[in-house]
Amino acid sequence: MNPSRIFILRPVATTLLMVAILIVGAMAYLQLPLSALPEVAYPTIQVQTFYPGASPEVITSAITAPLEKQFGQMPGLSQMSSTSSAGASVITLQFTLSLAIDVAEQEVQAAISAGQNLLPQDLPAPPIYAKVNPADAPVLILGITSKTMALTDVEDLVDTRIAQKISQVKGVSQGRGRRQHQRRPKTRGEGGGQPARHGCLRHQSR
């Protein structure tokens, strides 16, 4: 039996069936959900290196630049950005979607091991890395101040104790500190304002 014979013998019914299929398809297309920010799991890894007491210039030349040179040789790397602040270097590596995140972690670990001899010998700890989601934004920012402790001591306290404790809380994906300087505005009859001694702690939730 020829299955197309029934459609040839009934051209009007066949036309109406095709029109109905087109109408149903158009209505289904209009009902498709749209997302302005679709959830795409980009293979992204963030590498952090802490060097307490070092200036941003020293962090850039002694830590960020050598690590970037090593990371730039990894296959599958699509984007790399870095931030060098006082006492800390943060490098964000984004890989192509075709590369598995586990493979990317292995490449990052190999690059860190290869560039270990290029880093300062007195680093308190080797670079650490973790998987991150570039779409995540900090959901809580804590300001920590002290009238008695030096700014470097506040920074060390935030990085070595407070940030690590917050990162261990269930539902928190990452906690890290950031050093900031603020000066009190001058008023008439006053000299230069003293820099405030405070740190800024940012964390993200899963």
Foldseek 3Di string as FASTA:
>chain_A
DDPCPVCVVPVVVVVVVVVVVVVVVVVVVVPDDDDPDDDDQWLKKKKKFFDFPAALVCCVPQPVVLLCVLVVPDPQWDDKDWDGHHGMIMIMTTGDPVDDNVVVVVSSVVSQVVSVVSHDPPGPDGMDMDTDDPVFDFPDKDKFFDPPDALSVQQCCCAVPVQVVVCPDPFWPGKHKDGDWDFDDDDPPDDGGDTTRMIMMTTTGD
